[in-house]
All heavy atoms as atom14 arrays in JSON, in Angstrom:
{
  "sequence": "NKLKTIVYFTILIIIHTVHLKIFQFDLGRDLHYGVAG",
  "atom14_mask": [
    [1, 1, 1, 1, 1, 1, 1, 1, 0, 0, 0, 0, 0, 0],
    [1, 1, 1, 1, 1, 1, 1, 1, 1, 0, 0, 0, 0, 0],
    [1, 1, 1, 1, 1, 1, 1, 1, 0, 0, 0, 0, 0, 0],
    [1, 1, 1, 1, 1, 1, 1, 1, 1, 0, 0, 0, 0, 0],
    [1, 1, 1, 1, 1, 1, 1, 0, 0, 0, 0, 0, 0, 0],
    [1, 1, 1, 1, 1, 1, 1, 1, 0, 0, 0, 0, 0, 0],
    [1, 1, 1, 1, 1, 1, 1, 0, 0, 0, 0, 0, 0, 0],
    [1, 1, 1, 1, 1, 1, 1, 1, 1, 1, 1, 1, 0, 0],
    [1, 1, 1, 1, 1, 1, 1, 1, 1, 1, 1, 0, 0, 0],
    [1, 1, 1, 1, 1, 1, 1, 0, 0, 0, 0, 0, 0, 0],
    [1, 1, 1, 1, 1, 1, 1, 1, 0, 0, 0, 0, 0, 0],
    [1, 1, 1, 1, 1, 1, 1, 1, 0, 0, 0, 0, 0, 0],
    [1, 1, 1, 1, 1, 1, 1, 1, 0, 0, 0, 0, 0, 0],
    [1, 1, 1, 1, 1, 1, 1, 1, 0, 0, 0, 0, 0, 0],
    [1, 1, 1, 1, 1, 1, 1, 1, 0, 0, 0, 0, 0, 0],
    [1, 1, 1, 1, 1, 1, 1, 1, 1, 1, 0, 0, 0, 0],
    [1, 1, 1, 1, 1, 1, 1, 0, 0, 0, 0, 0, 0, 0],
    [1, 1, 1, 1, 1, 1, 1, 0, 0, 0, 0, 0, 0, 0],
    [1, 1, 1, 1, 1, 1, 1, 1, 1, 1, 0, 0, 0, 0],
    [1, 1, 1, 1, 1, 1, 1, 1, 0, 0, 0, 0, 0, 0],
    [1, 1, 1, 1, 1, 1, 1, 1, 1, 0, 0, 0, 0, 0],
    [1, 1, 1, 1, 1, 1, 1, 1, 0, 0, 0, 0, 0, 0],
    [1, 1, 1, 1, 1, 1, 1, 1, 1, 1, 1, 0, 0, 0],
    [1, 1, 1, 1, 1, 1, 1, 1, 1, 0, 0, 0, 0, 0],
    [1, 1, 1, 1, 1, 1, 1, 1, 1, 1, 1, 0, 0, 0],
    [1, 1, 1, 1, 1, 1, 1, 1, 0, 0, 0, 0, 0, 0],
    [1, 1, 1, 1, 1, 1, 1, 1, 0, 0, 0, 0, 0, 0],
    [1, 1, 1, 1, 0, 0, 0, 0, 0, 0, 0, 0, 0, 0],
    [1, 1, 1, 1, 1, 1, 1, 1, 1, 1, 1, 0, 0, 0],
    [1, 1, 1, 1, 1, 1, 1, 1, 0, 0, 0, 0, 0, 0],
    [1, 1, 1, 1, 1, 1, 1, 1, 0, 0, 0, 0, 0, 0],
    [1, 1, 1, 1, 1, 1, 1, 1, 1, 1, 0, 0, 0, 0],
    [1, 1, 1, 1, 1, 1, 1, 1, 1, 1, 1, 1, 0, 0],
    [1, 1, 1, 1, 0, 0, 0, 0, 0, 0, 0, 0, 0, 0],
    [1, 1, 1, 1, 1, 1, 1, 0, 0, 0, 0, 0, 0, 0],
    [1, 1, 1, 1, 1, 0, 0, 0, 0, 0, 0, 0, 0, 0],
    [1, 1, 1, 1, 0, 0, 0, 0, 0, 0, 0, 0, 0, 0]
  ],
  "atom14_positions": [
    [[59.29, 125.68, 118.88], [59.13, 126.99, 118.19], [58.95, 128.13, 119.4], [57.94, 128.35, 119.87], [57.85, 126.97, 117.31], [57.78, 128.13, 116.4], [58.14, 129.16, 116.75], [57.39, 127.92, 115.16], [0.0, 0.0, 0.0], [0.0, 0.0, 0.0], [0.0, 0.0, 0.0], [0.0, 0.0, 0.0], [0.0, 0.0, 0.0], [0.0, 0.0, 0.0]],
    [[59.96, 128.84, 119.61], [59.87, 129.83, 120.59], [59.05, 130.95, 120.28], [58.42, 131.49, 121.06], [61.31, 130.4, 120.85], [62.32, 129.32, 121.5], [63.65, 129.9, 121.75], [64.61, 128.94, 122.53], [65.96, 129.46, 122.84], [0.0, 0.0, 0.0], [0.0, 0.0, 0.0], [0.0, 0.0, 0.0], [0.0, 0.0, 0.0], [0.0, 0.0, 0.0]],
    [[59.03, 131.34, 118.97], [58.17, 132.31, 118.63], [56.66, 132.03, 118.96], [55.81, 132.91, 119.35], [58.25, 132.66, 117.1], [57.42, 133.84, 116.57], [57.61, 135.07, 117.27], [57.63, 133.94, 115.02], [0.0, 0.0, 0.0], [0.0, 0.0, 0.0], [0.0, 0.0, 0.0], [0.0, 0.0, 0.0], [0.0, 0.0, 0.0], [0.0, 0.0, 0.0]],
    [[56.27, 130.76, 118.68], [54.86, 130.3, 118.86], [54.62, 130.39, 120.34], [53.54, 130.84, 120.81], [54.81, 128.83, 118.38], [53.29, 128.36, 118.34], [53.29, 126.88, 117.82], [53.58, 126.71, 116.34], [53.49, 125.37, 115.99], [0.0, 0.0, 0.0], [0.0, 0.0, 0.0], [0.0, 0.0, 0.0], [0.0, 0.0, 0.0], [0.0, 0.0, 0.0]],
    [[55.64, 130.05, 121.2], [55.43, 130.03, 122.68], [55.29, 131.5, 123.16], [54.37, 131.78, 123.95], [56.59, 129.55, 123.41], [56.85, 128.1, 123.04], [56.51, 129.54, 124.89], [0.0, 0.0, 0.0], [0.0, 0.0, 0.0], [0.0, 0.0, 0.0], [0.0, 0.0, 0.0], [0.0, 0.0, 0.0], [0.0, 0.0, 0.0], [0.0, 0.0, 0.0]],
    [[56.07, 132.46, 122.52], [55.87, 133.91, 122.91], [54.48, 134.37, 122.56], [53.82, 135.09, 123.34], [56.99, 134.72, 122.22], [58.38, 134.25, 122.86], [56.72, 136.27, 122.4], [59.5, 135.04, 122.11], [0.0, 0.0, 0.0], [0.0, 0.0, 0.0], [0.0, 0.0, 0.0], [0.0, 0.0, 0.0], [0.0, 0.0, 0.0], [0.0, 0.0, 0.0]],
    [[53.92, 134.1, 121.26], [52.69, 134.6, 120.92], [51.65, 134.04, 121.78], [50.68, 134.71, 122.19], [52.51, 134.1, 119.35], [51.11, 134.39, 118.86], [53.49, 134.9, 118.44], [0.0, 0.0, 0.0], [0.0, 0.0, 0.0], [0.0, 0.0, 0.0], [0.0, 0.0, 0.0], [0.0, 0.0, 0.0], [0.0, 0.0, 0.0], [0.0, 0.0, 0.0]],
    [[51.76, 132.74, 122.05], [50.81, 131.97, 122.9], [50.74, 132.66, 124.18], [49.65, 132.92, 124.74], [51.0, 130.48, 122.91], [50.04, 129.82, 123.79], [48.89, 129.43, 123.19], [50.34, 129.48, 125.13], [47.92, 128.77, 123.98], [49.32, 128.87, 125.81], [48.2, 128.42, 125.32], [47.25, 127.62, 126.08], [0.0, 0.0, 0.0], [0.0, 0.0, 0.0]],
    [[51.91, 132.8, 124.79], [51.98, 133.49, 126.13], [51.36, 134.9, 126.16], [50.62, 135.24, 127.13], [53.35, 133.57, 126.64], [53.55, 134.2, 128.06], [52.96, 133.62, 129.09], [54.33, 135.33, 128.17], [53.12, 134.25, 130.4], [54.56, 135.86, 129.36], [53.85, 135.42, 130.56], [0.0, 0.0, 0.0], [0.0, 0.0, 0.0], [0.0, 0.0, 0.0]],
    [[51.51, 135.59, 125.22], [50.89, 137.02, 124.99], [49.43, 136.8, 125.0], [48.69, 137.65, 125.71], [51.45, 137.66, 123.8], [52.81, 137.65, 123.73], [50.82, 139.08, 123.58], [0.0, 0.0, 0.0], [0.0, 0.0, 0.0], [0.0, 0.0, 0.0], [0.0, 0.0, 0.0], [0.0, 0.0, 0.0], [0.0, 0.0, 0.0], [0.0, 0.0, 0.0]],
    [[48.92, 135.98, 124.18], [47.41, 135.81, 124.14], [46.83, 135.32, 125.37], [45.82, 135.77, 125.81], [47.14, 134.93, 122.97], [47.59, 135.5, 121.63], [45.54, 134.72, 122.78], [47.38, 134.58, 120.36], [0.0, 0.0, 0.0], [0.0, 0.0, 0.0], [0.0, 0.0, 0.0], [0.0, 0.0, 0.0], [0.0, 0.0, 0.0], [0.0, 0.0, 0.0]],
    [[47.64, 134.44, 126.14], [47.24, 133.87, 127.41], [47.01, 135.07, 128.37], [46.05, 135.11, 129.11], [48.19, 132.92, 127.92], [47.81, 131.98, 129.06], [46.72, 131.02, 128.65], [49.07, 131.22, 129.57], [0.0, 0.0, 0.0], [0.0, 0.0, 0.0], [0.0, 0.0, 0.0], [0.0, 0.0, 0.0], [0.0, 0.0, 0.0], [0.0, 0.0, 0.0]],
    [[47.99, 135.97, 128.36], [47.85, 137.13, 129.28], [46.62, 137.98, 128.93], [45.85, 138.55, 129.69], [49.19, 137.98, 129.28], [50.33, 137.2, 129.94], [48.91, 139.29, 129.95], [51.63, 137.98, 129.86], [0.0, 0.0, 0.0], [0.0, 0.0, 0.0], [0.0, 0.0, 0.0], [0.0, 0.0, 0.0], [0.0, 0.0, 0.0], [0.0, 0.0, 0.0]],
    [[46.38, 138.25, 127.67], [45.25, 138.95, 127.2], [43.92, 138.38, 127.68], [43.12, 139.18, 128.12], [45.32, 139.06, 125.62], [46.54, 139.96, 125.16], [44.05, 139.72, 125.12], [46.65, 139.97, 123.64], [0.0, 0.0, 0.0], [0.0, 0.0, 0.0], [0.0, 0.0, 0.0], [0.0, 0.0, 0.0], [0.0, 0.0, 0.0], [0.0, 0.0, 0.0]],
    [[43.81, 137.16, 127.44], [42.45, 136.63, 127.77], [42.2, 136.5, 129.3], [41.19, 136.01, 129.84], [42.23, 135.26, 127.11], [43.22, 134.11, 127.66], [42.24, 135.33, 125.66], [42.91, 132.76, 127.25], [0.0, 0.0, 0.0], [0.0, 0.0, 0.0], [0.0, 0.0, 0.0], [0.0, 0.0, 0.0], [0.0, 0.0, 0.0], [0.0, 0.0, 0.0]],
    [[43.25, 136.58, 130.14], [43.26, 136.75, 131.51], [43.0, 138.13, 132.15], [42.77, 138.21, 133.27], [44.33, 135.89, 132.15], [44.26, 134.45, 132.16], [44.55, 133.75, 130.98], [43.87, 133.48, 132.98], [44.38, 132.56, 131.24], [43.93, 132.27, 132.42], [0.0, 0.0, 0.0], [0.0, 0.0, 0.0], [0.0, 0.0, 0.0], [0.0, 0.0, 0.0]],
    [[43.37, 139.08, 131.39], [43.44, 140.44, 131.96], [42.67, 141.46, 131.27], [42.33, 142.5, 131.85], [44.97, 140.8, 132.03], [45.52, 140.9, 130.71], [45.72, 139.91, 132.86], [0.0, 0.0, 0.0], [0.0, 0.0, 0.0], [0.0, 0.0, 0.0], [0.0, 0.0, 0.0], [0.0, 0.0, 0.0], [0.0, 0.0, 0.0], [0.0, 0.0, 0.0]],
    [[42.49, 141.35, 129.87], [41.79, 142.42, 129.08], [40.27, 142.06, 129.12], [39.79, 141.16, 128.61], [42.32, 142.5, 127.76], [41.47, 143.5, 126.89], [43.81, 142.67, 127.71], [0.0, 0.0, 0.0], [0.0, 0.0, 0.0], [0.0, 0.0, 0.0], [0.0, 0.0, 0.0], [0.0, 0.0, 0.0], [0.0, 0.0, 0.0], [0.0, 0.0, 0.0]],
    [[39.49, 142.84, 129.84], [38.12, 142.62, 130.12], [37.27, 143.07, 128.99], [36.54, 144.11, 129.22], [37.67, 143.07, 131.48], [38.33, 142.41, 132.52], [37.88, 141.09, 133.02], [39.42, 142.67, 133.26], [38.69, 140.67, 133.99], [39.76, 141.59, 134.19], [0.0, 0.0, 0.0], [0.0, 0.0, 0.0], [0.0, 0.0, 0.0], [0.0, 0.0, 0.0]],
    [[37.33, 142.54, 127.75], [36.54, 142.94, 126.63], [35.34, 142.13, 126.69], [35.25, 140.93, 126.66], [37.38, 142.61, 125.38], [36.55, 142.92, 124.07], [36.25, 144.33, 123.91], [37.46, 142.43, 122.86], [0.0, 0.0, 0.0], [0.0, 0.0, 0.0], [0.0, 0.0, 0.0], [0.0, 0.0, 0.0], [0.0, 0.0, 0.0], [0.0, 0.0, 0.0]],
    [[34.1, 142.83, 126.68], [32.79, 142.15, 126.79], [32.23, 142.1, 125.49], [32.08, 143.07, 124.7], [31.91, 142.94, 127.72], [32.36, 142.81, 129.22], [31.23, 143.28, 130.13], [31.56, 143.07, 131.56], [30.55, 143.57, 132.58], [0.0, 0.0, 0.0], [0.0, 0.0, 0.0], [0.0, 0.0, 0.0], [0.0, 0.0, 0.0], [0.0, 0.0, 0.0]],
    [[31.76, 140.86, 125.1], [30.87, 140.62, 123.97], [29.48, 140.29, 124.49], [29.36, 139.19, 125.02], [31.41, 139.38, 123.06], [32.92, 139.81, 122.58], [30.5, 139.23, 121.85], [33.56, 138.64, 121.84], [0.0, 0.0, 0.0], [0.0, 0.0, 0.0], [0.0, 0.0, 0.0], [0.0, 0.0, 0.0], [0.0, 0.0, 0.0], [0.0, 0.0, 0.0]],
    [[28.61, 141.2, 124.33], [27.43, 141.16, 125.17], [27.71, 141.05, 126.58], [28.38, 142.01, 127.1], [26.49, 140.08, 124.66], [26.15, 140.26, 123.11], [26.73, 139.47, 122.2], [25.08, 141.12, 122.84], [26.38, 139.66, 120.79], [24.75, 141.36, 121.46], [25.36, 140.68, 120.46], [0.0, 0.0, 0.0], [0.0, 0.0, 0.0], [0.0, 0.0, 0.0]],
    [[27.38, 139.99, 127.25], [27.66, 139.84, 128.67], [28.86, 138.94, 128.97], [29.18, 138.68, 130.08], [26.48, 139.54, 129.47], [25.42, 140.54, 129.55], [24.32, 140.2, 130.5], [24.25, 139.15, 131.05], [23.35, 141.13, 130.62], [0.0, 0.0, 0.0], [0.0, 0.0, 0.0], [0.0, 0.0, 0.0], [0.0, 0.0, 0.0], [0.0, 0.0, 0.0]],
    [[29.57, 138.48, 127.93], [30.54, 137.49, 128.09], [31.97, 138.26, 128.15], [32.29, 138.83, 127.24], [30.64, 136.45, 126.94], [31.51, 135.24, 127.1], [30.97, 134.16, 127.76], [32.74, 135.3, 126.71], [31.8, 133.1, 128.02], [33.64, 134.27, 126.96], [33.17, 133.07, 127.59], [0.0, 0.0, 0.0], [0.0, 0.0, 0.0], [0.0, 0.0, 0.0]],
    [[32.45, 138.16, 129.32], [33.74, 138.87, 129.68], [34.9, 137.99, 129.25], [35.23, 136.96, 129.94], [33.73, 139.18, 131.07], [35.01, 140.22, 131.37], [35.97, 140.15, 130.65], [34.93, 140.91, 132.53], [0.0, 0.0, 0.0], [0.0, 0.0, 0.0], [0.0, 0.0, 0.0], [0.0, 0.0, 0.0], [0.0, 0.0, 0.0], [0.0, 0.0, 0.0]],
    [[35.6, 138.34, 128.18], [36.82, 137.53, 127.74], [37.95, 137.44, 128.7], [38.66, 136.47, 128.83], [37.35, 137.99, 126.37], [36.36, 138.0, 125.25], [36.87, 138.62, 123.89], [35.77, 136.71, 124.88], [0.0, 0.0, 0.0], [0.0, 0.0, 0.0], [0.0, 0.0, 0.0], [0.0, 0.0, 0.0], [0.0, 0.0, 0.0], [0.0, 0.0, 0.0]],
    [[38.08, 138.52, 129.48], [39.09, 138.5, 130.5], [38.74, 137.71, 131.77], [39.6, 137.62, 132.72], [0.0, 0.0, 0.0], [0.0, 0.0, 0.0], [0.0, 0.0, 0.0], [0.0, 0.0, 0.0], [0.0, 0.0, 0.0], [0.0, 0.0, 0.0], [0.0, 0.0, 0.0], [0.0, 0.0, 0.0], [0.0, 0.0, 0.0], [0.0, 0.0, 0.0]],
    [[37.58, 137.26, 131.95], [37.19, 136.52, 133.14], [36.56, 135.12, 132.7], [36.9, 134.15, 133.33], [36.06, 137.43, 133.86], [35.64, 136.71, 135.1], [34.33, 137.4, 135.66], [33.3, 137.32, 134.83], [32.19, 138.04, 134.85], [32.01, 139.06, 135.73], [31.16, 137.98, 133.98], [0.0, 0.0, 0.0], [0.0, 0.0, 0.0], [0.0, 0.0, 0.0]],
    [[35.52, 135.07, 131.86], [34.76, 133.94, 131.63], [35.48, 132.84, 130.98], [35.0, 131.69, 130.92], [33.57, 134.21, 130.83], [32.62, 135.3, 131.74], [32.54, 135.04, 132.99], [32.01, 136.09, 131.17], [0.0, 0.0, 0.0], [0.0, 0.0, 0.0], [0.0, 0.0, 0.0], [0.0, 0.0, 0.0], [0.0, 0.0, 0.0], [0.0, 0.0, 0.0]],
    [[36.63, 133.14, 130.29], [37.47, 132.11, 129.63], [38.31, 131.34, 130.57], [38.93, 130.36, 130.19], [38.26, 132.72, 128.42], [37.54, 133.23, 127.21], [38.37, 133.84, 126.2], [36.75, 132.04, 126.54], [0.0, 0.0, 0.0], [0.0, 0.0, 0.0], [0.0, 0.0, 0.0], [0.0, 0.0, 0.0], [0.0, 0.0, 0.0], [0.0, 0.0, 0.0]],
    [[38.37, 131.82, 131.79], [39.28, 131.0, 132.76], [38.45, 130.78, 134.08], [39.03, 130.12, 134.92], [40.59, 131.71, 133.05], [40.57, 132.85, 133.75], [40.3, 134.14, 133.14], [40.87, 133.3, 135.13], [40.32, 135.13, 134.15], [40.65, 134.49, 135.34], [0.0, 0.0, 0.0], [0.0, 0.0, 0.0], [0.0, 0.0, 0.0], [0.0, 0.0, 0.0]],
    [[37.35, 131.39, 134.26], [36.41, 131.09, 135.38], [35.6, 129.79, 135.15], [35.34, 129.51, 133.98], [35.44, 132.22, 135.62], [35.96, 133.3, 136.58], [37.24, 133.73, 136.61], [35.07, 133.87, 137.38], [37.77, 134.72, 137.36], [35.52, 134.89, 138.41], [36.87, 135.34, 138.35], [37.24, 136.25, 139.15], [0.0, 0.0, 0.0], [0.0, 0.0, 0.0]],
    [[35.14, 129.15, 136.1], [34.22, 128.09, 135.95], [32.74, 128.57, 136.08], [32.55, 129.8, 136.06], [0.0, 0.0, 0.0], [0.0, 0.0, 0.0], [0.0, 0.0, 0.0], [0.0, 0.0, 0.0], [0.0, 0.0, 0.0], [0.0, 0.0, 0.0], [0.0, 0.0, 0.0], [0.0, 0.0, 0.0], [0.0, 0.0, 0.0], [0.0, 0.0, 0.0]],
    [[31.75, 127.63, 136.1], [30.4, 128.06, 136.19], [30.07, 128.45, 137.68], [30.92, 128.15, 138.51], [29.55, 127.07, 135.65], [29.86, 126.68, 134.28], [29.63, 125.76, 136.59], [0.0, 0.0, 0.0], [0.0, 0.0, 0.0], [0.0, 0.0, 0.0], [0.0, 0.0, 0.0], [0.0, 0.0, 0.0], [0.0, 0.0, 0.0], [0.0, 0.0, 0.0]],
    [[28.93, 129.1, 137.84], [28.37, 129.34, 139.2], [29.23, 130.28, 139.96], [29.33, 130.25, 141.25], [28.11, 128.04, 140.0], [0.0, 0.0, 0.0], [0.0, 0.0, 0.0], [0.0, 0.0, 0.0], [0.0, 0.0, 0.0], [0.0, 0.0, 0.0], [0.0, 0.0, 0.0], [0.0, 0.0, 0.0], [0.0, 0.0, 0.0], [0.0, 0.0, 0.0]],
    [[30.08, 131.25, 139.31], [30.87, 132.14, 140.02], [32.08, 131.41, 140.76], [32.7, 132.18, 141.65], [0.0, 0.0, 0.0], [0.0, 0.0, 0.0], [0.0, 0.0, 0.0], [0.0, 0.0, 0.0], [0.0, 0.0, 0.0], [0.0, 0.0, 0.0], [0.0, 0.0, 0.0], [0.0, 0.0, 0.0], [0.0, 0.0, 0.0], [0.0, 0.0, 0.0]]
  ]
}
């Protein structure tokens, strides 16, 4: 399903680059960083 791949790739970019913070949890960083910095 190419459409599914395109949508997934778009969201993948968003969660790596859009630094939306929910309290102190940075969606653009903490969803692909490990613990301890």
